[in-house]
Amino acid sequence: MTNALYLPDLLWEPIIKTALYEDLGTGGDVTTQALLSEPTKRIKACFKARQKGIIAGLPGARLTFQLLNKDCEFHYVKQDGDIIMPGDIIARIEGPPEAILGGERVALNLLSHLSGIASITAIIQREVQSCNVGICCTRKTLPGLRALQKYAVRAGGGRNHRHRLDDAIMLKDNHIALLGSDIATALKLARQRAGHLMKIELEVDNLEQLETALLHGGADAYLLDNMSASMLRRAVKMVNNRAITEASGGITPHNAREIAETGVNILSLGWLTHSVNALDIGLDFLPLS
C-alpha cells in the first residue's frame, strides 16, 4: 500500500464501531450463539471477488474483526488499489466464529462500497489518461463516511477536493449572492481572509463572470460549472494557465474524455461518492487444515 493510500486506524475505528453497534445491538449475533457448541473453536474464511474492479477498504475490514476479537488474524492477499478479478482471493481471516460472522456484514459493506468508488474512479481515469487531467471527488459524500470515501477515490487513482469547509475558500453562487453578485468584492474579501497559505476557488457559470474575476485579481482555481465543451475551451484559453481550471456538472464516463480534451486541469464528479454502485465481494469459509 502506498503512502497516498494511508488512512490511520484512528479514522476507521469510530465509523466501524458505529456500524458494529448498529448491527450487533445489545445481544450480539444470536444466530451464531445458538449454534456454537465450542466457544473456543476457530474458523478460517476469505474475502473473494465476484466482479472485476479495484479493491479498497481492506484496513477497515481487518479492524472490524480485530475490534470484535483481538485474536483474529487477517492476512492480506491483495492491497488497496489492486485490480481484482472474479474468483480472486482478496484476504484471509482466521479467528473465533462469533467474531468472523459477527463482523462479516460490516466488513463486506465497507469493502463493497469503497471498492465500488475506487473501481468507477479507475474507469474514468483510464478514459482520460492521455489528457493530463485529474479525476476529483467533491464534498458530496455520505454523512460520516467522507474520510473513507475520499480514501477510496485515491485508491482508484483519483484526487481529493477539499475535505472540509476550513480547507480552502470556495466562492460558490450563493456566496456571491450574499454580496449582490459582486464578484470583485467577494474576491477582495476572500483574499484578505485567506492569507498567504490558503487557496481560493471561484465558481463561475458563464464567461462574463470569469472575465470579471480575471480583471479583479483572479482566484487560484476556477470551478467551471455546467459549461459546454466549447465554452470550456474558451474558458481555458481565457485563464491561460494563470489558475487551475475545474470542470464540474454532468460529467459521466460517456462524456468525460470530451470534457477532458477541452484542456481543463480537473474533472470533479459528485456521484463518485454519493451514488456509486457497490462492487460484488463475498466471504467464504475455508477448511481448517
C-alpha atoms as a PDB file:
ATOM      1  CA  MET A   1       0.000   0.000   0.000  1.00  0.00           C
ATOM      2  CA  THR A   2       1.425   3.379  -0.990  1.00  0.00           C
ATOM      3  CA  ASN A   3       1.680   6.320   1.387  1.00  0.00           C
ATOM      4  CA  ALA A   4      -1.018   8.095  -0.653  1.00  0.00           C
ATOM      5  CA  LEU A   5      -3.465   5.403   0.479  1.00  0.00           C
ATOM      6  CA  TYR A   6      -2.589   5.522   4.148  1.00  0.00           C
ATOM      7  CA  LEU A   7      -5.502   6.127   6.496  1.00  0.00           C
ATOM      8  CA  PRO A   8      -4.805   5.520  10.202  1.00  0.00           C
ATOM      9  CA  ASP A   9      -6.926   3.142  12.258  1.00  0.00           C
ATOM     10  CA  LEU A  10      -7.933   6.180  14.327  1.00  0.00           C
ATOM     11  CA  LEU A  11     -10.112   7.374  11.426  1.00  0.00           C
ATOM     12  CA  TRP A  12     -11.564   3.955  10.572  1.00  0.00           C
ATOM     13  CA  GLU A  13     -12.379   2.972  14.143  1.00  0.00           C
ATOM     14  CA  PRO A  14     -15.285   5.285  15.097  1.00  0.00           C
ATOM     15  CA  ILE A  15     -17.103   4.530  11.837  1.00  0.00           C
ATOM     16  CA  ILE A  16     -16.634   0.788  12.251  1.00  0.00           C
ATOM     17  CA  LYS A  17     -17.681   0.847  15.905  1.00  0.00           C
ATOM     18  CA  THR A  18     -20.869   2.705  14.993  1.00  0.00           C
ATOM     19  CA  ALA A  19     -21.617   0.134  12.278  1.00  0.00           C
ATOM     20  CA  LEU A  20     -20.966  -2.774  14.657  1.00  0.00           C
ATOM     21  CA  TYR A  21     -23.236  -1.280  17.328  1.00  0.00           C
ATOM     22  CA  GLU A  22     -25.916  -0.859  14.678  1.00  0.00           C
ATOM     23  CA  ASP A  23     -25.595  -4.496  13.529  1.00  0.00           C
ATOM     24  CA  LEU A  24     -24.994  -6.342  16.806  1.00  0.00           C
ATOM     25  CA  GLY A  25     -27.383  -4.422  19.047  1.00  0.00           C
ATOM     26  CA  THR A  26     -27.271  -5.320  22.733  1.00  0.00           C
ATOM     27  CA  GLY A  27     -27.483  -9.089  22.342  1.00  0.00           C
ATOM     28  CA  GLY A  28     -24.929  -9.784  19.642  1.00  0.00           C
ATOM     29  CA  ASP A  29     -25.219 -12.364  16.870  1.00  0.00           C
ATOM     30  CA  VAL A  30     -27.869 -14.628  18.397  1.00  0.00           C
ATOM     31  CA  THR A  31     -27.868 -16.955  15.372  1.00  0.00           C
ATOM     32  CA  THR A  32     -24.197 -17.846  15.767  1.00  0.00           C
ATOM     33  CA  GLN A  33     -24.573 -18.025  19.550  1.00  0.00           C
ATOM     34  CA  ALA A  34     -27.389 -20.564  19.161  1.00  0.00           C
ATOM     35  CA  LEU A  35     -25.231 -22.845  17.020  1.00  0.00           C
ATOM     36  CA  LEU A  36     -21.956 -22.663  18.938  1.00  0.00           C
ATOM     37  CA  SER A  37     -21.119 -25.770  20.939  1.00  0.00           C
ATOM     38  CA  GLU A  38     -17.392 -24.993  21.244  1.00  0.00           C
ATOM     39  CA  PRO A  39     -16.792 -21.417  22.405  1.00  0.00           C
ATOM     40  CA  THR A  40     -13.049 -21.649  21.676  1.00  0.00           C
ATOM     41  CA  LYS A  41     -13.424 -23.038  18.143  1.00  0.00           C
ATOM     42  CA  ARG A  42     -11.602 -21.164  15.352  1.00  0.00           C
ATOM     43  CA  ILE A  43     -12.600 -20.957  11.709  1.00  0.00           C
ATOM     44  CA  LYS A  44     -10.991 -19.713   8.504  1.00  0.00           C
ATOM     45  CA  ALA A  45     -12.620 -17.611   5.825  1.00  0.00           C
ATOM     46  CA  CYS A  46     -11.640 -15.499   2.864  1.00  0.00           C
ATOM     47  CA  PHE A  47     -12.894 -12.479   1.001  1.00  0.00           C
ATOM     48  CA  LYS A  48     -13.396 -13.392  -2.645  1.00  0.00           C
ATOM     49  CA  ALA A  49     -14.048 -11.128  -5.619  1.00  0.00           C
ATOM     50  CA  ARG A  50     -17.178 -11.822  -7.646  1.00  0.00           C
ATOM     51  CA  GLN A  51     -16.694  -8.900 -10.012  1.00  0.00           C
ATOM     52  CA  LYS A  52     -13.770  -7.161 -11.708  1.00  0.00           C
ATOM     53  CA  GLY A  53     -12.699  -3.922 -10.092  1.00  0.00           C
ATOM     54  CA  ILE A  54     -10.308  -2.121  -7.774  1.00  0.00           C
ATOM     55  CA  ILE A  55     -10.190  -3.152  -4.133  1.00  0.00           C
ATOM     56  CA  ALA A  56     -10.441  -0.547  -1.367  1.00  0.00           C
ATOM     57  CA  GLY A  57     -11.196  -0.800   2.340  1.00  0.00           C
ATOM     58  CA  LEU A  58      -9.097  -3.760   3.465  1.00  0.00           C
ATOM     59  CA  PRO A  59      -7.644  -1.965   6.536  1.00  0.00           C
ATOM     60  CA  GLY A  60     -11.214  -1.307   7.661  1.00  0.00           C
ATOM     61  CA  ALA A  61     -12.180  -4.942   7.161  1.00  0.00           C
ATOM     62  CA  ARG A  62      -9.168  -6.042   9.209  1.00  0.00           C
ATOM     63  CA  LEU A  63     -10.026  -3.639  12.016  1.00  0.00           C
ATOM     64  CA  THR A  64     -13.669  -4.793  12.044  1.00  0.00           C
ATOM     65  CA  PHE A  65     -12.704  -8.324  13.059  1.00  0.00           C
ATOM     66  CA  GLN A  66      -9.944  -7.255  15.426  1.00  0.00           C
ATOM     67  CA  LEU A  67     -12.286  -4.899  17.284  1.00  0.00           C
ATOM     68  CA  LEU A  68     -14.563  -7.868  17.906  1.00  0.00           C
ATOM     69  CA  ASN A  69     -11.719 -10.160  18.934  1.00  0.00           C
ATOM     70  CA  LYS A  70      -8.057  -9.130  19.104  1.00  0.00           C
ATOM     71  CA  ASP A  71      -7.028 -12.725  18.334  1.00  0.00           C
ATOM     72  CA  CYS A  72      -8.458 -12.590  14.812  1.00  0.00           C
ATOM     73  CA  GLU A  73      -5.716 -12.988  12.218  1.00  0.00           C
ATOM     74  CA  PHE A  74      -6.043 -11.038   8.974  1.00  0.00           C
ATOM     75  CA  HIS A  75      -3.782 -11.875   6.039  1.00  0.00           C
ATOM     76  CA  TYR A  76      -3.694  -9.558   3.033  1.00  0.00           C
ATOM     77  CA  VAL A  77      -3.572 -11.260  -0.360  1.00  0.00           C
ATOM     78  CA  LYS A  78      -4.332  -8.059  -2.262  1.00  0.00           C
ATOM     79  CA  GLN A  79      -3.638  -4.462  -1.286  1.00  0.00           C
ATOM     80  CA  ASP A  80      -5.939  -1.470  -1.646  1.00  0.00           C
ATOM     81  CA  GLY A  81      -5.596  -0.090  -5.166  1.00  0.00           C
ATOM     82  CA  ASP A  82      -5.002  -3.544  -6.711  1.00  0.00           C
ATOM     83  CA  ILE A  83      -7.050  -4.848  -9.624  1.00  0.00           C
ATOM     84  CA  ILE A  84      -9.214  -7.820  -8.671  1.00  0.00           C
ATOM     85  CA  MET A  85     -10.873 -10.346 -10.964  1.00  0.00           C
ATOM     86  CA  PRO A  86     -13.826 -12.695 -10.309  1.00  0.00           C
ATOM     87  CA  GLY A  87     -12.624 -15.590  -8.157  1.00  0.00           C
ATOM     88  CA  ASP A  88      -9.597 -13.774  -6.756  1.00  0.00           C
ATOM     89  CA  ILE A  89      -8.982 -14.224  -3.034  1.00  0.00           C
ATOM     90  CA  ILE A  90      -8.531 -10.765  -1.552  1.00  0.00           C
ATOM     91  CA  ALA A  91      -7.731 -11.587   2.078  1.00  0.00           C
ATOM     92  CA  ARG A  92      -7.893 -14.480   4.554  1.00  0.00           C
ATOM     93  CA  ILE A  93      -9.212 -14.332   8.108  1.00  0.00           C
ATOM     94  CA  GLU A  94      -8.846 -16.783  10.977  1.00  0.00           C
ATOM     95  CA  GLY A  95     -10.481 -16.477  14.372  1.00  0.00           C
ATOM     96  CA  PRO A  96     -13.499 -17.303  16.533  1.00  0.00           C
ATOM     97  CA  PRO A  97     -16.705 -17.793  14.505  1.00  0.00           C
ATOM     98  CA  GLU A  98     -18.638 -15.255  16.581  1.00  0.00           C
ATOM     99  CA  ALA A  99     -16.113 -12.569  15.561  1.00  0.00           C
ATOM    100  CA  ILE A 100     -15.910 -13.527  11.885  1.00  0.00           C
ATOM    101  CA  LEU A 101     -19.669 -13.985  11.425  1.00  0.00           C
ATOM    102  CA  GLY A 102     -20.458 -11.039  13.675  1.00  0.00           C
ATOM    103  CA  GLY A 103     -18.249  -8.714  11.635  1.00  0.00           C
ATOM    104  CA  GLU A 104     -18.953 -10.189   8.206  1.00  0.00           C
ATOM    105  CA  ARG A 105     -21.656  -7.746   7.099  1.00  0.00           C
ATOM    106  CA  VAL A 106     -19.920  -4.605   8.359  1.00  0.00           C
ATOM    107  CA  ALA A 107     -16.653  -5.626   6.697  1.00  0.00           C
ATOM    108  CA  LEU A 108     -18.379  -6.540   3.427  1.00  0.00           C
ATOM    109  CA  ASN A 109     -20.428  -3.349   3.378  1.00  0.00           C
ATOM    110  CA  LEU A 110     -17.254  -1.304   3.726  1.00  0.00           C
ATOM    111  CA  LEU A 111     -15.311  -3.308   1.160  1.00  0.00           C
ATOM    112  CA  SER A 112     -18.095  -3.378  -1.419  1.00  0.00           C
ATOM    113  CA  HIS A 113     -18.943   0.316  -1.131  1.00  0.00           C
ATOM    114  CA  LEU A 114     -15.378   1.620  -1.094  1.00  0.00           C
ATOM    115  CA  SER A 115     -14.300  -0.758  -3.864  1.00  0.00           C
ATOM    116  CA  GLY A 116     -17.210   0.474  -5.971  1.00  0.00           C
ATOM    117  CA  ILE A 117     -15.912   4.032  -5.594  1.00  0.00           C
ATOM    118  CA  ALA A 118     -12.344   3.009  -6.413  1.00  0.00           C
ATOM    119  CA  SER A 119     -13.465   0.979  -9.424  1.00  0.00           C
ATOM    120  CA  ILE A 120     -15.510   3.673 -11.151  1.00  0.00           C
ATOM    121  CA  THR A 121     -12.809   6.238 -10.411  1.00  0.00           C
ATOM    122  CA  ALA A 122     -10.289   3.994 -12.167  1.00  0.00           C
ATOM    123  CA  ILE A 123     -12.602   3.511 -15.157  1.00  0.00           C
ATOM    124  CA  ILE A 124     -12.972   7.251 -15.704  1.00  0.00           C
ATOM    125  CA  GLN A 125      -9.273   7.838 -15.089  1.00  0.00           C
ATOM    126  CA  ARG A 126      -8.462   5.334 -17.842  1.00  0.00           C
ATOM    127  CA  GLU A 127     -10.846   7.096 -20.213  1.00  0.00           C
ATOM    128  CA  VAL A 128      -8.900  10.347 -19.887  1.00  0.00           C
ATOM    129  CA  GLN A 129      -5.387   9.044 -19.194  1.00  0.00           C
ATOM    130  CA  SER A 130      -3.873  10.695 -22.280  1.00  0.00           C
ATOM    131  CA  CYS A 131      -5.362  14.108 -21.475  1.00  0.00           C
ATOM    132  CA  ASN A 132      -3.240  15.096 -18.467  1.00  0.00           C
ATOM    133  CA  VAL A 133      -6.324  15.725 -16.334  1.00  0.00           C
ATOM    134  CA  GLY A 134      -7.176  14.694 -12.784  1.00  0.00           C
ATOM    135  CA  ILE A 135     -10.364  12.957 -11.651  1.00  0.00           C
ATOM    136  CA  CYS A 136     -11.586  14.530  -8.429  1.00  0.00           C
ATOM    137  CA  CYS A 137     -14.332  13.849  -5.891  1.00  0.00           C
ATOM    138  CA  THR A 138     -16.277  16.529  -4.011  1.00  0.00           C
ATOM    139  CA  ARG A 139     -17.863  17.055  -0.580  1.00  0.00           C
ATOM    140  CA  LYS A 140     -20.995  15.244  -1.788  1.00  0.00           C
ATOM    141  CA  THR A 141     -20.239  12.308   0.479  1.00  0.00           C
ATOM    142  CA  LEU A 142     -22.423  10.163   2.730  1.00  0.00           C
ATOM    143  CA  PRO A 143     -22.572  11.705   6.229  1.00  0.00           C
ATOM    144  CA  GLY A 144     -19.855  10.283   8.464  1.00  0.00           C
ATOM    145  CA  LEU A 145     -18.067   8.423   5.668  1.00  0.00           C
ATOM    146  CA  ARG A 146     -16.167  11.253   3.989  1.00  0.00           C
ATOM    147  CA  ALA A 147     -12.633  10.249   5.032  1.00  0.00           C
ATOM    148  CA  LEU A 148     -13.239   6.673   3.868  1.00  0.00           C
ATOM    149  CA  GLN A 149     -14.904   7.623   0.585  1.00  0.00           C
ATOM    150  CA  LYS A 150     -12.157  10.081  -0.312  1.00  0.00           C
ATOM    151  CA  TYR A 151      -9.610   7.395   0.544  1.00  0.00           C
ATOM    152  CA  ALA A 152     -11.371   5.073  -1.920  1.00  0.00           C
ATOM    153  CA  VAL A 153     -11.159   7.711  -4.664  1.00  0.00           C
ATOM    154  CA  ARG A 154      -7.390   7.805  -4.139  1.00  0.00           C
ATOM    155  CA  ALA A 155      -7.295   4.004  -4.285  1.00  0.00           C
ATOM    156  CA  GLY A 156      -8.829   4.262  -7.753  1.00  0.00           C
ATOM    157  CA  GLY A 157      -6.194   6.728  -8.925  1.00  0.00           C
ATOM    158  CA  GLY A 158      -8.263   9.861  -8.362  1.00  0.00           C
ATOM    159  CA  ARG A 159      -7.704  13.032  -6.381  1.00  0.00           C
ATOM    160  CA  ASN A 160      -9.496  14.661  -3.483  1.00  0.00           C
ATOM    161  CA  HIS A 161     -11.138  18.061  -3.457  1.00  0.00           C
ATOM    162  CA  ARG A 162     -11.278  19.817  -0.081  1.00  0.00           C
ATOM    163  CA  HIS A 163     -12.268  17.605   2.838  1.00  0.00           C
ATOM    164  CA  ARG A 164     -13.914  20.306   4.949  1.00  0.00           C
ATOM    165  CA  LEU A 165     -15.131  23.881   4.812  1.00  0.00           C
ATOM    166  CA  ASP A 166     -11.947  25.075   6.520  1.00  0.00           C
ATOM    167  CA  ASP A 167      -9.567  23.576   3.928  1.00  0.00           C
ATOM    168  CA  ALA A 168      -9.919  26.383   1.397  1.00  0.00           C
ATOM    169  CA  ILE A 169     -12.126  29.317   0.438  1.00  0.00           C
ATOM    170  CA  MET A 170     -14.605  28.285  -2.228  1.00  0.00           C
ATOM    171  CA  LEU A 171     -16.837  31.061  -3.517  1.00  0.00           C
ATOM    172  CA  LYS A 172     -19.971  29.467  -4.943  1.00  0.00           C
ATOM    173  CA  ASP A 173     -23.029  31.145  -6.445  1.00  0.00           C
ATOM    174  CA  ASN A 174     -24.805  31.503  -3.108  1.00  0.00           C
ATOM    175  CA  HIS A 175     -21.758  33.153  -1.565  1.00  0.00           C
ATOM    176  CA  ILE A 176     -21.590  35.646  -4.413  1.00  0.00           C
ATOM    177  CA  ALA A 177     -25.329  36.289  -3.988  1.00  0.00           C
ATOM    178  CA  LEU A 178     -24.642  37.418  -0.402  1.00  0.00           C
ATOM    179  CA  LEU A 179     -22.815  40.391  -1.922  1.00  0.00           C
ATOM    180  CA  GLY A 180     -25.355  41.183  -4.609  1.00  0.00           C
ATOM    181  CA  SER A 181     -23.450  39.213  -7.260  1.00  0.00           C
ATOM    182  CA  ASP A 182     -20.380  41.435  -6.764  1.00  0.00           C
ATOM    183  CA  ILE A 183     -17.554  39.079  -7.770  1.00  0.00           C
ATOM    184  CA  ALA A 184     -14.848  41.738  -7.415  1.00  0.00           C
ATOM    185  CA  THR A 185     -15.737  42.463  -3.784  1.00  0.00           C
ATOM    186  CA  ALA A 186     -16.086  38.762  -2.989  1.00  0.00           C
ATOM    187  CA  LEU A 187     -12.588  38.087  -4.294  1.00  0.00           C
ATOM    188  CA  LYS A 188     -11.156  41.042  -2.382  1.00  0.00           C
ATOM    189  CA  LEU A 189     -12.701  39.937   0.922  1.00  0.00           C
ATOM    190  CA  ALA A 190     -11.683  36.332   0.336  1.00  0.00           C
ATOM    191  CA  ARG A 191      -8.081  37.327  -0.318  1.00  0.00           C
ATOM    192  CA  GLN A 192      -7.989  39.349   2.900  1.00  0.00           C
ATOM    193  CA  ARG A 193      -9.211  36.323   4.864  1.00  0.00           C
ATOM    194  CA  ALA A 194      -7.082  33.710   3.133  1.00  0.00           C
ATOM    195  CA  GLY A 195      -3.602  34.924   3.937  1.00  0.00           C
ATOM    196  CA  HIS A 196      -0.664  33.503   2.009  1.00  0.00           C
ATOM    197  CA  LEU A 197      -1.279  29.783   2.554  1.00  0.00           C
ATOM    198  CA  MET A 198      -4.978  29.252   1.815  1.00  0.00           C
ATOM    199  CA  LYS A 199      -6.220  28.817  -1.756  1.00  0.00           C
ATOM    200  CA  ILE A 200      -9.303  30.480  -3.222  1.00  0.00           C
ATOM    201  CA  GLU A 201     -11.587  28.834  -5.778  1.00  0.00           C
ATOM    202  CA  LEU A 202     -14.370  30.690  -7.567  1.00  0.00           C
ATOM    203  CA  GLU A 203     -17.362  29.034  -9.200  1.00  0.00           C
ATOM    204  CA  VAL A 204     -18.425  30.650 -12.464  1.00  0.00           C
ATOM    205  CA  ASP A 205     -21.426  29.778 -14.615  1.00  0.00           C
ATOM    206  CA  ASN A 206     -20.505  31.825 -17.675  1.00  0.00           C
ATOM    207  CA  LEU A 207     -17.601  33.542 -19.402  1.00  0.00           C
ATOM    208  CA  GLU A 208     -18.696  37.010 -18.316  1.00  0.00           C
ATOM    209  CA  GLN A 209     -18.243  36.044 -14.665  1.00  0.00           C
ATOM    210  CA  LEU A 210     -14.853  34.555 -15.476  1.00  0.00           C
ATOM    211  CA  GLU A 211     -13.763  37.720 -17.281  1.00  0.00           C
ATOM    212  CA  THR A 212     -14.805  39.872 -14.311  1.00  0.00           C
ATOM    213  CA  ALA A 213     -12.840  37.665 -11.933  1.00  0.00           C
ATOM    214  CA  LEU A 214      -9.710  37.776 -14.087  1.00  0.00           C
ATOM    215  CA  LEU A 215      -9.903  41.583 -14.227  1.00  0.00           C
ATOM    216  CA  HIS A 216     -10.052  41.872 -10.428  1.00  0.00           C
ATOM    217  CA  GLY A 217      -7.119  39.856  -9.183  1.00  0.00           C
ATOM    218  CA  GLY A 218      -8.492  36.453 -10.007  1.00  0.00           C
ATOM    219  CA  ALA A 219      -8.635  33.247  -7.977  1.00  0.00           C
ATOM    220  CA  ASP A 220      -6.251  30.315  -7.572  1.00  0.00           C
ATOM    221  CA  ALA A 221      -8.768  27.983  -9.210  1.00  0.00           C
ATOM    222  CA  TYR A 222     -11.983  28.291 -11.202  1.00  0.00           C
ATOM    223  CA  LEU A 223     -14.834  25.827 -10.996  1.00  0.00           C
ATOM    224  CA  LEU A 224     -16.412  25.974 -14.464  1.00  0.00           C
ATOM    225  CA  ASP A 225     -19.929  24.853 -13.653  1.00  0.00           C
ATOM    226  CA  ASN A 226     -22.130  23.057 -16.193  1.00  0.00           C
ATOM    227  CA  MET A 227     -20.384  24.559 -19.205  1.00  0.00           C
ATOM    228  CA  SER A 228     -20.489  23.026 -22.679  1.00  0.00           C
ATOM    229  CA  ALA A 229     -17.299  21.667 -24.193  1.00  0.00           C
ATOM    230  CA  SER A 230     -16.970  24.690 -26.480  1.00  0.00           C
ATOM    231  CA  MET A 231     -17.420  27.088 -23.571  1.00  0.00           C
ATOM    232  CA  LEU A 232     -14.872  25.163 -21.521  1.00  0.00           C
ATOM    233  CA  ARG A 233     -12.302  25.564 -24.304  1.00  0.00           C
ATOM    234  CA  ARG A 234     -12.853  29.300 -24.320  1.00  0.00           C
ATOM    235  CA  ALA A 235     -12.604  29.453 -20.532  1.00  0.00           C
ATOM    236  CA  VAL A 236      -9.321  27.533 -20.525  1.00  0.00           C
ATOM    237  CA  LYS A 237      -7.936  29.927 -23.138  1.00  0.00           C
ATOM    238  CA  MET A 238      -9.023  32.945 -21.082  1.00  0.00           C
ATOM    239  CA  VAL A 239      -7.385  31.635 -17.906  1.00  0.00           C
ATOM    240  CA  ASN A 240      -4.211  30.875 -19.906  1.00  0.00           C
ATOM    241  CA  ASN A 241      -2.518  28.808 -17.167  1.00  0.00           C
ATOM    242  CA  ARG A 242      -2.852  31.572 -14.574  1.00  0.00           C
ATOM    243  CA  ALA A 243      -5.009  29.335 -12.380  1.00  0.00           C
ATOM    244  CA  ILE A 244      -6.351  25.795 -12.125  1.00  0.00           C
ATOM    245  CA  THR A 245      -9.460  25.079 -14.197  1.00  0.00           C
ATOM    246  CA  GLU A 246     -12.000  22.560 -12.912  1.00  0.00           C
ATOM    247  CA  ALA A 247     -14.950  21.303 -14.948  1.00  0.00           C
ATOM    248  CA  SER A 248     -17.970  20.212 -12.937  1.00  0.00           C
ATOM    249  CA  GLY A 249     -21.563  19.187 -13.585  1.00  0.00           C
ATOM    250  CA  GLY A 250     -22.996  16.443 -15.779  1.00  0.00           C
ATOM    251  CA  ILE A 251     -19.723  14.554 -16.231  1.00  0.00           C
ATOM    252  CA  THR A 252     -20.160  10.815 -16.879  1.00  0.00           C
ATOM    253  CA  PRO A 253     -17.946   8.003 -18.194  1.00  0.00           C
ATOM    254  CA  HIS A 254     -19.525   8.668 -21.602  1.00  0.00           C
ATOM    255  CA  ASN A 255     -18.533  12.327 -21.917  1.00  0.00           C
ATOM    256  CA  ALA A 256     -15.505  12.527 -19.618  1.00  0.00           C
ATOM    257  CA  ARG A 257     -12.993  12.301 -22.436  1.00  0.00           C
ATOM    258  CA  GLU A 258     -14.703  15.005 -24.498  1.00  0.00           C
ATOM    259  CA  ILE A 259     -14.607  17.336 -21.498  1.00  0.00           C
ATOM    260  CA  ALA A 260     -11.013  16.410 -20.631  1.00  0.00           C
ATOM    261  CA  GLU A 261      -9.934  17.260 -24.180  1.00  0.00           C
ATOM    262  CA  THR A 262     -11.003  20.889 -23.647  1.00  0.00           C
ATOM    263  CA  GLY A 263      -7.793  21.394 -21.662  1.00  0.00           C
ATOM    264  CA  VAL A 264      -9.218  21.715 -18.140  1.00  0.00           C
ATOM    265  CA  ASN A 265      -6.973  20.542 -15.309  1.00  0.00           C
ATOM    266  CA  ILE A 266      -9.568  18.674 -13.257  1.00  0.00           C
ATOM    267  CA  LEU A 267     -12.895  16.902 -13.711  1.00  0.00           C
ATOM    268  CA  SER A 268     -14.893  16.861 -10.457  1.00  0.00           C
ATOM    269  CA  LEU A 269     -17.717  14.360 -10.033  1.00  0.00           C
ATOM    270  CA  GLY A 270     -20.008  14.314  -7.004  1.00  0.00           C
ATOM    271  CA  TRP A 271     -21.590  10.971  -7.887  1.00  0.00           C
ATOM    272  CA  LEU A 272     -18.241   9.182  -7.388  1.00  0.00           C
ATOM    273  CA  THR A 273     -19.149   9.174  -3.714  1.00  0.00           C
ATOM    274  CA  HIS A 274     -22.870   9.880  -3.332  1.00  0.00           C
ATOM    275  CA  SER A 275     -24.426   7.328  -5.690  1.00  0.00           C
ATOM    276  CA  VAL A 276     -21.869   4.769  -6.806  1.00  0.00           C
ATOM    277  CA  ASN A 277     -22.723   1.060  -7.157  1.00  0.00           C
ATOM    278  CA  ALA A 278     -21.152  -1.405  -4.730  1.00  0.00           C
ATOM    279  CA  LEU A 279     -18.649  -3.948  -6.046  1.00  0.00           C
ATOM    280  CA  ASP A 280     -19.697  -7.576  -5.563  1.00  0.00           C
ATOM    281  CA  ILE A 281     -17.457  -9.236  -2.941  1.00  0.00           C
ATOM    282  CA  GLY A 282     -18.244 -12.284  -0.807  1.00  0.00           C
ATOM    283  CA  LEU A 283     -16.939 -14.040   2.290  1.00  0.00           C
ATOM    284  CA  ASP A 284     -16.472 -17.824   2.053  1.00  0.00           C
ATOM    285  CA  PHE A 285     -15.422 -20.364   4.680  1.00  0.00           C
ATOM    286  CA  LEU A 286     -12.162 -22.241   4.185  1.00  0.00           C
ATOM    287  CA  PRO A 287     -11.132 -25.685   5.511  1.00  0.00           C
ATOM    288  CA  LEU A 288      -9.096 -25.511   8.717  1.00  0.00           C
ATOM    289  CA  SER A 289      -6.402 -27.910   7.514  1.00  0.00           C
END
